[in-house]
Every structure is written in C-alpha cells, then in structure tokens.
Amino acid sequence: MEQSRSQPPDPTPMILLVLGLILFLGSHSVRIFAEDWRTARVKAMGLNPYKGLYSLVAIVGFVLVIYGYGQARMHPVQLYDPPLWTRHLAGLLNLAAFVLLAAAYVKGNRIKAAVGHPMVLGVKVWAFAHLIANGTLADVVLFGGFLLWAILDFRSARGRDHIAVTRLPPGSGMRDVVTVVAGVAAWALFGFWLHGAWIGVQPFG
C-alpha cells in the first residue's frame, strides 16, 4: 500500500500576509523614500483626498496582514525555537514599548522631547521583542517587516527634524509620571487579558 504523503502548506496565507505588509508598510513609507512625490500628490489632489486614499490603502493592507498572519499561524513553519528566557525579555521590552506609545499621546512629557518620535521607536521595540520570542516563518515576516520599517522610518523622521531644526518643549516630571503610569496600565491590560482574548496567546500564562 502506498504511504500517504503530507501535503505542503498552503502558500496563500503567506502571500496575503506579504501583500498586506507591502500595502500597509508601503503606505507608511512614502515620506521615507518619496517625500517629493508625496508633496506633489498633496498639491495636485488636496490634503484630505490624499489622506483618504492613503488611509484606504493602509486599512486594506492591515486587514490582509491580520487575516494572512492568523491563517499562517494555523499551520506554522518553524524556523527556530526561542529559549524560554526570551519570553521574559519580550515582556520587559513590550513594557518599554507601551510606555513609548503612551509618550506619543501624553502632551508635555520629557520622553517625547528626548526621542522625538516615541511611537515609531515603540514599534521598533515591540517588533524586536516579538521577533526574539517567536520563531515561525509568519512571525519572522511580520515582525521582521515591522522592525525594518521602524528602523528606516525613525531614521528618516529624525533626519527631517534635524533639517527643520525641530525642538520639542522639555516637558515636566508630572507629565512623565502620567506617561509611565498610562503605559504600564495599558501593558498590563493587554498582556494579562486582551492579548489572550484577541490573539489567543497568553504571554504570561
């Protein structure tokens, strides 16, 4: 009797994930690679129509990323097996990422004044944390893509700040406290509850 052979994994989820990343990260990379083109399009179309088109492309890309990654996780292709300690390190790094995310929204904090673009830096830390703690092909494509984009975008944004001589107000200690408390609270909420409820993985379970 002929032995049944295992079927290769369906490439469709990875194709959708990669396409989604191209659309989502590509739409967020115009200022990195084509600032003059963006300026010309805004002048020709108007700011609001350009933002509408930009948002539409980003939303379609985001949906494809979520769907493709979710489907790819059902049949994982393991590239490496991270040791247990990387999960603990990822938890600490994600705590820093949430504080940076909060710094992007709390006005007048010294963290934003120091780094300039805390949200992009937070994405960089978040992506690196997930990359060291997850070893499937889908994880490497998703988080590696976001890490590369965040590195390039942060460098580009800081370069524009240097050219424009952008200086943020120094901020205050009380605003720093609010930022850290908000970031820690969001990290705890997401790590201990929402991550499991939405993604199906308990980081600390």
N, C-alpha and C. Protein backbone atom coordinates (compact mmCIF):
# COMPACT_ATOMS: atom_id res chain seq x y z
N MET A 1 0.85 -1.20 0.00
CA MET A 1 0.00 0.00 0.00
C MET A 1 0.88 1.25 0.00
N GLU A 2 0.55 2.14 -0.86
CA GLU A 2 1.35 3.37 -0.96
C GLU A 2 1.08 4.26 0.23
N GLN A 3 2.14 4.73 0.87
CA GLN A 3 2.01 5.59 2.03
C GLN A 3 1.58 6.99 1.59
N SER A 4 0.68 7.57 2.36
CA SER A 4 0.22 8.92 2.05
C SER A 4 1.31 9.93 2.39
N ARG A 5 1.46 10.88 1.54
CA ARG A 5 2.46 11.92 1.74
C ARG A 5 1.78 13.16 2.31
N SER A 6 2.49 13.80 3.24
CA SER A 6 1.94 15.03 3.82
C SER A 6 1.92 16.13 2.77
N GLN A 7 0.83 16.85 2.77
CA GLN A 7 0.66 17.93 1.81
C GLN A 7 1.47 19.15 2.24
N PRO A 8 2.12 19.82 1.28
CA PRO A 8 2.83 21.05 1.65
C PRO A 8 1.85 22.10 2.11
N PRO A 9 2.30 23.02 2.97
CA PRO A 9 1.40 24.06 3.48
C PRO A 9 0.89 24.95 2.35
N ASP A 10 -0.33 25.41 2.49
CA ASP A 10 -0.94 26.31 1.52
C ASP A 10 -0.19 27.65 1.55
N PRO A 11 0.35 28.10 0.42
CA PRO A 11 1.11 29.37 0.43
C PRO A 11 0.23 30.61 0.47
N THR A 12 -1.10 30.44 0.31
CA THR A 12 -1.99 31.60 0.23
C THR A 12 -1.90 32.53 1.44
N PRO A 13 -1.93 31.99 2.70
CA PRO A 13 -1.83 32.90 3.85
C PRO A 13 -0.57 33.76 3.84
N MET A 14 0.57 33.17 3.48
CA MET A 14 1.81 33.94 3.46
C MET A 14 1.78 34.98 2.35
N ILE A 15 1.17 34.63 1.22
CA ILE A 15 1.06 35.60 0.13
C ILE A 15 0.21 36.79 0.57
N LEU A 16 -0.90 36.51 1.24
CA LEU A 16 -1.76 37.58 1.74
C LEU A 16 -1.05 38.42 2.79
N LEU A 17 -0.27 37.76 3.67
CA LEU A 17 0.47 38.49 4.69
C LEU A 17 1.49 39.42 4.06
N VAL A 18 2.24 38.92 3.10
CA VAL A 18 3.26 39.74 2.44
C VAL A 18 2.61 40.88 1.67
N LEU A 19 1.51 40.59 0.96
CA LEU A 19 0.81 41.65 0.23
C LEU A 19 0.29 42.71 1.19
N GLY A 20 -0.26 42.27 2.31
CA GLY A 20 -0.75 43.22 3.31
C GLY A 20 0.37 44.10 3.85
N LEU A 21 1.52 43.50 4.11
CA LEU A 21 2.66 44.28 4.61
C LEU A 21 3.12 45.29 3.56
N ILE A 22 3.11 44.88 2.30
CA ILE A 22 3.52 45.81 1.24
C ILE A 22 2.59 47.02 1.20
N LEU A 23 1.28 46.76 1.30
CA LEU A 23 0.32 47.85 1.25
C LEU A 23 0.39 48.71 2.52
N PHE A 24 0.40 48.06 3.69
CA PHE A 24 0.36 48.80 4.94
C PHE A 24 1.66 49.55 5.20
N LEU A 25 2.78 48.84 5.16
CA LEU A 25 4.05 49.50 5.42
C LEU A 25 4.46 50.38 4.26
N GLY A 26 4.08 49.98 3.05
CA GLY A 26 4.40 50.81 1.90
C GLY A 26 3.72 52.16 1.97
N SER A 27 2.45 52.17 2.38
CA SER A 27 1.73 53.45 2.51
C SER A 27 2.32 54.31 3.61
N HIS A 28 2.94 53.67 4.60
CA HIS A 28 3.57 54.41 5.69
C HIS A 28 5.05 54.73 5.40
N SER A 29 5.50 54.42 4.20
CA SER A 29 6.91 54.63 3.87
C SER A 29 7.12 55.70 2.81
N VAL A 30 6.04 56.36 2.40
CA VAL A 30 6.17 57.35 1.33
C VAL A 30 7.13 58.46 1.73
N ARG A 31 7.03 58.91 2.98
CA ARG A 31 7.91 60.00 3.42
C ARG A 31 9.35 59.56 3.58
N ILE A 32 9.57 58.24 3.66
CA ILE A 32 10.94 57.73 3.76
C ILE A 32 11.62 57.77 2.39
N PHE A 33 10.90 57.33 1.36
CA PHE A 33 11.52 57.12 0.05
C PHE A 33 11.05 58.10 -1.02
N ALA A 34 9.92 58.78 -0.81
CA ALA A 34 9.37 59.61 -1.89
C ALA A 34 8.70 60.86 -1.33
N GLU A 35 9.44 61.64 -0.58
CA GLU A 35 8.89 62.86 0.03
C GLU A 35 8.45 63.85 -1.04
N ASP A 36 9.24 64.00 -2.10
CA ASP A 36 8.89 64.93 -3.16
C ASP A 36 7.62 64.47 -3.88
N TRP A 37 7.51 63.17 -4.12
CA TRP A 37 6.31 62.63 -4.78
C TRP A 37 5.08 62.88 -3.93
N ARG A 38 5.22 62.68 -2.60
CA ARG A 38 4.09 62.93 -1.70
C ARG A 38 3.67 64.40 -1.74
N THR A 39 4.64 65.29 -1.72
CA THR A 39 4.34 66.72 -1.77
C THR A 39 3.59 67.07 -3.05
N ALA A 40 4.03 66.48 -4.17
CA ALA A 40 3.37 66.75 -5.45
C ALA A 40 1.95 66.21 -5.47
N ARG A 41 1.75 65.03 -4.90
CA ARG A 41 0.39 64.43 -4.89
C ARG A 41 -0.54 65.26 -3.99
N VAL A 42 -0.04 65.69 -2.86
CA VAL A 42 -0.87 66.52 -1.97
C VAL A 42 -1.25 67.82 -2.67
N LYS A 43 -0.31 68.41 -3.39
CA LYS A 43 -0.59 69.65 -4.11
C LYS A 43 -1.60 69.43 -5.22
N ALA A 44 -1.50 68.28 -5.91
CA ALA A 44 -2.39 68.01 -7.03
C ALA A 44 -3.78 67.57 -6.58
N MET A 45 -3.85 66.75 -5.53
CA MET A 45 -5.12 66.18 -5.09
C MET A 45 -5.79 66.98 -3.99
N GLY A 46 -5.00 67.65 -3.18
CA GLY A 46 -5.50 68.26 -1.95
C GLY A 46 -5.18 67.33 -0.79
N LEU A 47 -5.02 67.91 0.39
CA LEU A 47 -4.58 67.14 1.54
C LEU A 47 -5.59 66.08 1.96
N ASN A 48 -6.86 66.45 2.05
CA ASN A 48 -7.87 65.50 2.53
C ASN A 48 -8.08 64.32 1.58
N PRO A 49 -8.20 64.54 0.25
CA PRO A 49 -8.30 63.38 -0.65
C PRO A 49 -7.07 62.47 -0.58
N TYR A 50 -5.88 63.08 -0.44
CA TYR A 50 -4.68 62.26 -0.32
C TYR A 50 -4.72 61.42 0.94
N LYS A 51 -5.13 62.03 2.06
CA LYS A 51 -5.24 61.29 3.31
C LYS A 51 -6.27 60.18 3.20
N GLY A 52 -7.36 60.43 2.49
CA GLY A 52 -8.39 59.41 2.31
C GLY A 52 -7.87 58.21 1.55
N LEU A 53 -7.16 58.48 0.44
CA LEU A 53 -6.57 57.38 -0.35
C LEU A 53 -5.52 56.64 0.45
N TYR A 54 -4.69 57.38 1.14
CA TYR A 54 -3.66 56.79 1.99
C TYR A 54 -4.27 55.90 3.05
N SER A 55 -5.34 56.36 3.69
CA SER A 55 -6.00 55.58 4.74
C SER A 55 -6.64 54.32 4.17
N LEU A 56 -7.24 54.43 2.99
CA LEU A 56 -7.87 53.27 2.36
C LEU A 56 -6.85 52.17 2.08
N VAL A 57 -5.72 52.55 1.50
CA VAL A 57 -4.66 51.58 1.21
C VAL A 57 -4.14 50.95 2.50
N ALA A 58 -3.95 51.76 3.53
CA ALA A 58 -3.44 51.26 4.80
C ALA A 58 -4.43 50.29 5.45
N ILE A 59 -5.72 50.61 5.39
CA ILE A 59 -6.73 49.74 6.00
C ILE A 59 -6.80 48.40 5.28
N VAL A 60 -6.79 48.43 3.95
CA VAL A 60 -6.80 47.17 3.19
C VAL A 60 -5.57 46.34 3.54
N GLY A 61 -4.42 46.99 3.62
CA GLY A 61 -3.20 46.28 3.99
C GLY A 61 -3.28 45.69 5.38
N PHE A 62 -3.83 46.45 6.31
CA PHE A 62 -3.93 45.98 7.70
C PHE A 62 -4.83 44.76 7.79
N VAL A 63 -5.96 44.78 7.08
CA VAL A 63 -6.88 43.64 7.09
C VAL A 63 -6.19 42.40 6.52
N LEU A 64 -5.46 42.57 5.43
CA LEU A 64 -4.74 41.44 4.84
C LEU A 64 -3.67 40.90 5.77
N VAL A 65 -2.99 41.79 6.48
CA VAL A 65 -1.96 41.35 7.45
C VAL A 65 -2.60 40.51 8.55
N ILE A 66 -3.70 41.00 9.12
CA ILE A 66 -4.36 40.29 10.20
C ILE A 66 -4.86 38.92 9.73
N TYR A 67 -5.51 38.89 8.57
CA TYR A 67 -6.07 37.63 8.07
C TYR A 67 -4.95 36.66 7.67
N GLY A 68 -3.97 37.16 6.91
CA GLY A 68 -2.88 36.29 6.46
C GLY A 68 -2.08 35.71 7.61
N TYR A 69 -1.77 36.56 8.59
CA TYR A 69 -1.00 36.08 9.74
C TYR A 69 -1.81 35.08 10.56
N GLY A 70 -3.09 35.36 10.75
CA GLY A 70 -3.94 34.45 11.50
C GLY A 70 -4.04 33.09 10.85
N GLN A 71 -4.17 33.06 9.53
CA GLN A 71 -4.25 31.79 8.81
C GLN A 71 -2.90 31.07 8.81
N ALA A 72 -1.82 31.82 8.66
CA ALA A 72 -0.49 31.21 8.64
C ALA A 72 -0.14 30.58 9.99
N ARG A 73 -0.65 31.16 11.08
CA ARG A 73 -0.38 30.61 12.41
C ARG A 73 -1.03 29.24 12.61
N MET A 74 -2.04 28.92 11.84
CA MET A 74 -2.73 27.64 11.99
C MET A 74 -1.89 26.49 11.47
N HIS A 75 -0.94 26.78 10.57
CA HIS A 75 -0.04 25.76 10.03
C HIS A 75 1.38 26.33 10.05
N PRO A 76 1.96 26.49 11.24
CA PRO A 76 3.24 27.20 11.36
C PRO A 76 4.41 26.44 10.73
N VAL A 77 5.31 27.22 10.16
CA VAL A 77 6.58 26.69 9.66
C VAL A 77 7.66 27.19 10.61
N GLN A 78 8.21 26.29 11.42
CA GLN A 78 9.15 26.68 12.46
C GLN A 78 10.54 26.89 11.89
N LEU A 79 11.10 28.07 12.08
CA LEU A 79 12.45 28.39 11.62
C LEU A 79 13.47 28.23 12.74
N TYR A 80 13.10 28.61 13.95
CA TYR A 80 13.97 28.44 15.11
C TYR A 80 13.10 28.35 16.36
N ASP A 81 13.66 27.79 17.40
CA ASP A 81 12.92 27.57 18.65
C ASP A 81 13.51 28.45 19.74
N PRO A 82 12.90 29.61 20.01
CA PRO A 82 13.48 30.53 21.00
C PRO A 82 13.48 29.92 22.40
N PRO A 83 14.53 30.13 23.18
CA PRO A 83 14.54 29.65 24.57
C PRO A 83 13.52 30.38 25.42
N LEU A 84 13.19 29.80 26.55
CA LEU A 84 12.13 30.35 27.40
C LEU A 84 12.43 31.75 27.88
N TRP A 85 13.71 32.05 28.15
CA TRP A 85 14.04 33.35 28.72
C TRP A 85 13.71 34.51 27.77
N THR A 86 13.63 34.22 26.46
CA THR A 86 13.30 35.30 25.52
C THR A 86 11.88 35.81 25.74
N ARG A 87 10.98 34.96 26.27
CA ARG A 87 9.62 35.42 26.55
C ARG A 87 9.61 36.43 27.69
N HIS A 88 10.45 36.18 28.70
CA HIS A 88 10.53 37.14 29.81
C HIS A 88 11.14 38.47 29.34
N LEU A 89 12.17 38.37 28.50
CA LEU A 89 12.77 39.58 27.96
C LEU A 89 11.78 40.33 27.08
N ALA A 90 11.00 39.58 26.29
CA ALA A 90 10.00 40.21 25.43
C ALA A 90 8.95 40.95 26.27
N GLY A 91 8.59 40.39 27.42
CA GLY A 91 7.64 41.06 28.29
C GLY A 91 8.16 42.40 28.77
N LEU A 92 9.43 42.45 29.16
CA LEU A 92 10.03 43.72 29.61
C LEU A 92 10.15 44.71 28.47
N LEU A 93 10.56 44.22 27.30
CA LEU A 93 10.69 45.12 26.15
C LEU A 93 9.33 45.68 25.74
N ASN A 94 8.29 44.86 25.81
CA ASN A 94 6.97 45.35 25.47
C ASN A 94 6.45 46.36 26.48
N LEU A 95 6.87 46.23 27.74
CA LEU A 95 6.54 47.25 28.73
C LEU A 95 7.11 48.59 28.30
N ALA A 96 8.38 48.59 27.86
CA ALA A 96 9.00 49.82 27.37
C ALA A 96 8.27 50.33 26.13
N ALA A 97 7.84 49.42 25.26
CA ALA A 97 7.13 49.82 24.05
C ALA A 97 5.81 50.52 24.38
N PHE A 98 5.09 50.02 25.38
CA PHE A 98 3.82 50.64 25.75
C PHE A 98 4.04 52.01 26.39
N VAL A 99 5.11 52.17 27.15
CA VAL A 99 5.42 53.48 27.71
C VAL A 99 5.74 54.46 26.59
N LEU A 100 6.48 54.01 25.59
CA LEU A 100 6.79 54.87 24.44
C LEU A 100 5.52 55.22 23.68
N LEU A 101 4.61 54.26 23.54
CA LEU A 101 3.34 54.53 22.88
C LEU A 101 2.55 55.60 23.64
N ALA A 102 2.52 55.47 24.97
CA ALA A 102 1.83 56.48 25.78
C ALA A 102 2.49 57.85 25.63
N ALA A 103 3.81 57.85 25.50
CA ALA A 103 4.54 59.12 25.36
C ALA A 103 4.16 59.86 24.08
N ALA A 104 3.69 59.12 23.08
CA ALA A 104 3.28 59.75 21.83
C ALA A 104 1.99 60.55 21.99
N TYR A 105 1.20 60.23 23.03
CA TYR A 105 -0.12 60.86 23.18
C TYR A 105 -0.22 61.79 24.38
N VAL A 106 0.59 61.59 25.40
CA VAL A 106 0.57 62.47 26.56
C VAL A 106 1.39 63.72 26.25
N LYS A 107 0.75 64.86 26.25
CA LYS A 107 1.45 66.09 25.90
C LYS A 107 2.40 66.52 27.02
N GLY A 108 3.52 67.10 26.58
CA GLY A 108 4.43 67.72 27.53
C GLY A 108 5.27 66.77 28.36
N ASN A 109 5.53 65.54 27.87
CA ASN A 109 6.39 64.64 28.62
C ASN A 109 7.82 64.69 28.07
N ARG A 110 8.77 64.41 28.93
CA ARG A 110 10.17 64.52 28.56
C ARG A 110 10.66 63.34 27.73
N ILE A 111 9.92 62.23 27.74
CA ILE A 111 10.30 61.08 26.91
C ILE A 111 10.18 61.46 25.43
N LYS A 112 9.05 62.08 25.08
CA LYS A 112 8.87 62.51 23.69
C LYS A 112 9.87 63.58 23.32
N ALA A 113 10.15 64.48 24.24
CA ALA A 113 11.13 65.52 23.96
C ALA A 113 12.51 64.93 23.69
N ALA A 114 12.82 63.81 24.35
CA ALA A 114 14.14 63.20 24.21
C ALA A 114 14.28 62.40 22.92
N VAL A 115 13.25 61.60 22.58
CA VAL A 115 13.39 60.68 21.43
C VAL A 115 12.74 61.23 20.16
N GLY A 116 11.86 62.21 20.30
CA GLY A 116 11.26 62.83 19.13
C GLY A 116 10.07 62.10 18.55
N HIS A 117 10.18 60.81 18.34
CA HIS A 117 9.13 60.02 17.71
C HIS A 117 8.92 58.72 18.50
N PRO A 118 8.33 58.83 19.68
CA PRO A 118 8.22 57.66 20.56
C PRO A 118 7.35 56.54 19.99
N MET A 119 6.35 56.86 19.17
CA MET A 119 5.53 55.79 18.63
C MET A 119 6.33 54.89 17.69
N VAL A 120 7.10 55.48 16.80
CA VAL A 120 7.91 54.69 15.87
C VAL A 120 8.96 53.91 16.64
N LEU A 121 9.57 54.53 17.64
CA LEU A 121 10.54 53.81 18.46
C LEU A 121 9.86 52.68 19.22
N GLY A 122 8.63 52.90 19.69
CA GLY A 122 7.88 51.85 20.36
C GLY A 122 7.59 50.68 19.45
N VAL A 123 7.25 50.96 18.19
CA VAL A 123 7.03 49.89 17.21
C VAL A 123 8.31 49.09 17.01
N LYS A 124 9.43 49.78 16.98
CA LYS A 124 10.72 49.11 16.82
C LYS A 124 10.98 48.14 17.97
N VAL A 125 10.75 48.61 19.20
CA VAL A 125 10.97 47.77 20.38
C VAL A 125 9.97 46.61 20.39
N TRP A 126 8.70 46.90 20.08
CA TRP A 126 7.66 45.87 20.03
C TRP A 126 7.99 44.77 19.02
N ALA A 127 8.40 45.18 17.83
CA ALA A 127 8.71 44.21 16.78
C ALA A 127 9.92 43.35 17.17
N PHE A 128 10.96 43.98 17.72
CA PHE A 128 12.14 43.23 18.13
C PHE A 128 11.80 42.24 19.24
N ALA A 129 10.97 42.66 20.19
CA ALA A 129 10.58 41.78 21.29
C ALA A 129 9.87 40.54 20.77
N HIS A 130 8.95 40.72 19.84
CA HIS A 130 8.22 39.57 19.30
C HIS A 130 9.09 38.71 18.40
N LEU A 131 10.06 39.32 17.75
CA LEU A 131 10.94 38.57 16.85
C LEU A 131 11.85 37.62 17.61
N ILE A 132 12.33 38.03 18.79
CA ILE A 132 13.23 37.16 19.53
C ILE A 132 12.47 36.06 20.28
N ALA A 133 11.16 36.24 20.47
CA ALA A 133 10.40 35.26 21.25
C ALA A 133 9.53 34.35 20.39
N ASN A 134 9.52 34.57 19.09
CA ASN A 134 8.70 33.75 18.19
C ASN A 134 9.53 33.35 16.99
N GLY A 135 9.44 32.08 16.61
CA GLY A 135 10.35 31.60 15.58
C GLY A 135 9.72 31.00 14.35
N THR A 136 8.45 31.28 14.06
CA THR A 136 7.85 30.75 12.85
C THR A 136 8.10 31.67 11.67
N LEU A 137 7.90 31.14 10.48
CA LEU A 137 8.10 31.94 9.27
C LEU A 137 7.18 33.15 9.26
N ALA A 138 5.92 32.97 9.65
CA ALA A 138 4.98 34.09 9.68
C ALA A 138 5.43 35.17 10.66
N ASP A 139 5.96 34.76 11.82
CA ASP A 139 6.46 35.72 12.81
C ASP A 139 7.64 36.51 12.26
N VAL A 140 8.55 35.82 11.60
CA VAL A 140 9.74 36.49 11.07
C VAL A 140 9.34 37.49 9.98
N VAL A 141 8.41 37.10 9.12
CA VAL A 141 7.96 38.00 8.06
C VAL A 141 7.23 39.21 8.65
N LEU A 142 6.30 38.96 9.59
CA LEU A 142 5.51 40.05 10.16
C LEU A 142 6.36 40.99 11.00
N PHE A 143 6.99 40.46 12.04
CA PHE A 143 7.72 41.32 12.97
C PHE A 143 9.03 41.81 12.38
N GLY A 144 9.66 40.99 11.52
CA GLY A 144 10.85 41.46 10.84
C GLY A 144 10.54 42.61 9.90
N GLY A 145 9.39 42.53 9.22
CA GLY A 145 8.98 43.63 8.34
C GLY A 145 8.73 44.91 9.10
N PHE A 146 8.03 44.79 10.24
CA PHE A 146 7.76 45.98 11.04
C PHE A 146 9.05 46.55 11.64
N LEU A 147 9.97 45.67 12.04
CA LEU A 147 11.23 46.15 12.62
C LEU A 147 12.04 46.92 11.58
N LEU A 148 12.14 46.37 10.38
CA LEU A 148 12.89 47.06 9.32
C LEU A 148 12.25 48.40 9.00
N TRP A 149 10.91 48.41 8.89
CA TRP A 149 10.22 49.67 8.59
C TRP A 149 10.46 50.70 9.69
N ALA A 150 10.36 50.28 10.96
CA ALA A 150 10.52 51.21 12.08
C ALA A 150 11.93 51.79 12.12
N ILE A 151 12.93 50.97 11.83
CA ILE A 151 14.31 51.47 11.80
C ILE A 151 14.47 52.55 10.74
N LEU A 152 13.96 52.27 9.54
CA LEU A 152 14.09 53.23 8.44
C LEU A 152 13.26 54.49 8.70
N ASP A 153 12.05 54.31 9.22
CA ASP A 153 11.17 55.46 9.45
C ASP A 153 11.70 56.36 10.57
N PHE A 154 12.23 55.75 11.62
CA PHE A 154 12.76 56.55 12.73
C PHE A 154 13.96 57.37 12.25
N ARG A 155 14.82 56.75 11.48
CA ARG A 155 15.98 57.47 10.95
C ARG A 155 15.55 58.61 10.03
N SER A 156 14.56 58.33 9.18
CA SER A 156 14.07 59.35 8.26
C SER A 156 13.42 60.51 9.02
N ALA A 157 12.60 60.19 10.03
CA ALA A 157 11.91 61.23 10.79
C ALA A 157 12.89 62.10 11.56
N ARG A 158 13.90 61.48 12.15
CA ARG A 158 14.91 62.26 12.88
C ARG A 158 15.71 63.13 11.92
N GLY A 159 15.92 62.61 10.70
CA GLY A 159 16.62 63.42 9.71
C GLY A 159 15.82 64.65 9.32
N ARG A 160 14.50 64.49 9.16
CA ARG A 160 13.65 65.64 8.85
C ARG A 160 13.64 66.64 10.00
N ASP A 161 13.64 66.12 11.24
CA ASP A 161 13.69 67.02 12.40
C ASP A 161 14.97 67.83 12.40
N HIS A 162 16.08 67.17 12.03
CA HIS A 162 17.37 67.87 12.02
C HIS A 162 17.38 68.97 10.97
N ILE A 163 16.81 68.68 9.80
CA ILE A 163 16.79 69.68 8.73
C ILE A 163 15.89 70.85 9.12
N ALA A 164 14.75 70.54 9.73
CA ALA A 164 13.80 71.58 10.11
C ALA A 164 14.14 72.23 11.45
N VAL A 165 15.21 71.75 12.10
CA VAL A 165 15.62 72.24 13.41
C VAL A 165 14.43 72.18 14.38
N THR A 166 13.77 71.02 14.43
CA THR A 166 12.62 70.83 15.29
C THR A 166 13.06 70.62 16.73
N ARG A 167 12.49 71.38 17.64
CA ARG A 167 12.79 71.25 19.06
C ARG A 167 11.48 71.18 19.83
N LEU A 168 11.28 70.11 20.58
CA LEU A 168 10.08 69.97 21.39
C LEU A 168 10.28 70.60 22.76
N PRO A 169 9.21 71.07 23.40
CA PRO A 169 9.33 71.61 24.76
C PRO A 169 9.91 70.56 25.70
N PRO A 170 10.67 70.97 26.72
CA PRO A 170 11.34 69.99 27.59
C PRO A 170 10.40 69.10 28.37
N GLY A 171 9.18 69.52 28.63
CA GLY A 171 8.24 68.69 29.38
C GLY A 171 8.40 68.84 30.88
N SER A 172 7.56 68.07 31.61
CA SER A 172 7.59 68.16 33.07
C SER A 172 7.58 66.78 33.70
N GLY A 173 8.04 66.74 34.95
CA GLY A 173 8.08 65.47 35.68
C GLY A 173 6.71 64.86 35.88
N MET A 174 5.71 65.68 36.15
CA MET A 174 4.36 65.16 36.36
C MET A 174 3.83 64.51 35.09
N ARG A 175 4.11 65.10 33.94
CA ARG A 175 3.70 64.51 32.68
C ARG A 175 4.42 63.18 32.43
N ASP A 176 5.66 63.09 32.89
CA ASP A 176 6.40 61.83 32.78
C ASP A 176 5.73 60.74 33.61
N VAL A 177 5.29 61.10 34.80
CA VAL A 177 4.62 60.14 35.68
C VAL A 177 3.33 59.65 35.02
N VAL A 178 2.56 60.58 34.47
CA VAL A 178 1.32 60.21 33.79
C VAL A 178 1.62 59.27 32.62
N THR A 179 2.66 59.58 31.87
CA THR A 179 3.04 58.75 30.73
C THR A 179 3.40 57.34 31.16
N VAL A 180 4.24 57.21 32.18
CA VAL A 180 4.67 55.89 32.63
C VAL A 180 3.50 55.09 33.20
N VAL A 181 2.67 55.74 34.01
CA VAL A 181 1.51 55.05 34.59
C VAL A 181 0.56 54.56 33.50
N ALA A 182 0.29 55.42 32.52
CA ALA A 182 -0.60 55.04 31.42
C ALA A 182 0.00 53.89 30.62
N GLY A 183 1.30 53.94 30.36
CA GLY A 183 1.95 52.87 29.61
C GLY A 183 1.95 51.55 30.35
N VAL A 184 2.24 51.58 31.64
CA VAL A 184 2.25 50.35 32.44
C VAL A 184 0.84 49.76 32.52
N ALA A 185 -0.16 50.61 32.71
CA ALA A 185 -1.55 50.14 32.79
C ALA A 185 -1.98 49.49 31.49
N ALA A 186 -1.64 50.12 30.36
CA ALA A 186 -2.00 49.55 29.06
C ALA A 186 -1.27 48.23 28.82
N TRP A 187 0.01 48.18 29.21
CA TRP A 187 0.79 46.94 29.07
C TRP A 187 0.17 45.81 29.90
N ALA A 188 -0.21 46.09 31.13
CA ALA A 188 -0.81 45.07 31.99
C ALA A 188 -2.16 44.61 31.44
N LEU A 189 -2.98 45.56 30.99
CA LEU A 189 -4.29 45.22 30.44
C LEU A 189 -4.16 44.33 29.21
N PHE A 190 -3.25 44.71 28.34
CA PHE A 190 -3.09 43.95 27.11
C PHE A 190 -2.39 42.62 27.37
N GLY A 191 -1.34 42.64 28.19
CA GLY A 191 -0.58 41.42 28.42
C GLY A 191 -1.33 40.35 29.19
N PHE A 192 -2.11 40.76 30.19
CA PHE A 192 -2.79 39.79 31.05
C PHE A 192 -4.21 39.46 30.59
N TRP A 193 -4.75 40.24 29.65
CA TRP A 193 -6.12 39.95 29.24
C TRP A 193 -6.34 40.04 27.73
N LEU A 194 -6.15 41.23 27.15
CA LEU A 194 -6.53 41.44 25.77
C LEU A 194 -5.71 40.60 24.79
N HIS A 195 -4.43 40.38 25.06
CA HIS A 195 -3.59 39.59 24.15
C HIS A 195 -4.15 38.18 24.01
N GLY A 196 -4.57 37.59 25.10
CA GLY A 196 -5.16 36.26 25.05
C GLY A 196 -6.52 36.26 24.41
N ALA A 197 -7.34 37.28 24.74
CA ALA A 197 -8.70 37.34 24.22
C ALA A 197 -8.73 37.61 22.72
N TRP A 198 -7.84 38.47 22.24
CA TRP A 198 -7.86 38.85 20.84
C TRP A 198 -6.98 37.97 19.95
N ILE A 199 -5.84 37.56 20.47
CA ILE A 199 -4.85 36.85 19.65
C ILE A 199 -4.80 35.37 19.97
N GLY A 200 -5.28 34.99 21.14
CA GLY A 200 -5.31 33.58 21.51
C GLY A 200 -4.03 33.08 22.14
N VAL A 201 -3.15 33.98 22.53
CA VAL A 201 -1.89 33.60 23.18
C VAL A 201 -1.78 34.39 24.48
N GLN A 202 -1.53 33.69 25.58
CA GLN A 202 -1.34 34.33 26.87
C GLN A 202 0.16 34.53 27.11
N PRO A 203 0.68 35.76 27.02
CA PRO A 203 2.12 35.96 27.18
C PRO A 203 2.64 35.53 28.54
N PHE A 204 1.80 35.66 29.58
CA PHE A 204 2.26 35.33 30.93
C PHE A 204 1.52 34.12 31.50
N GLY A 205 0.87 33.36 30.60
CA GLY A 205 0.10 32.20 31.06
C GLY A 205 0.91 30.92 31.04
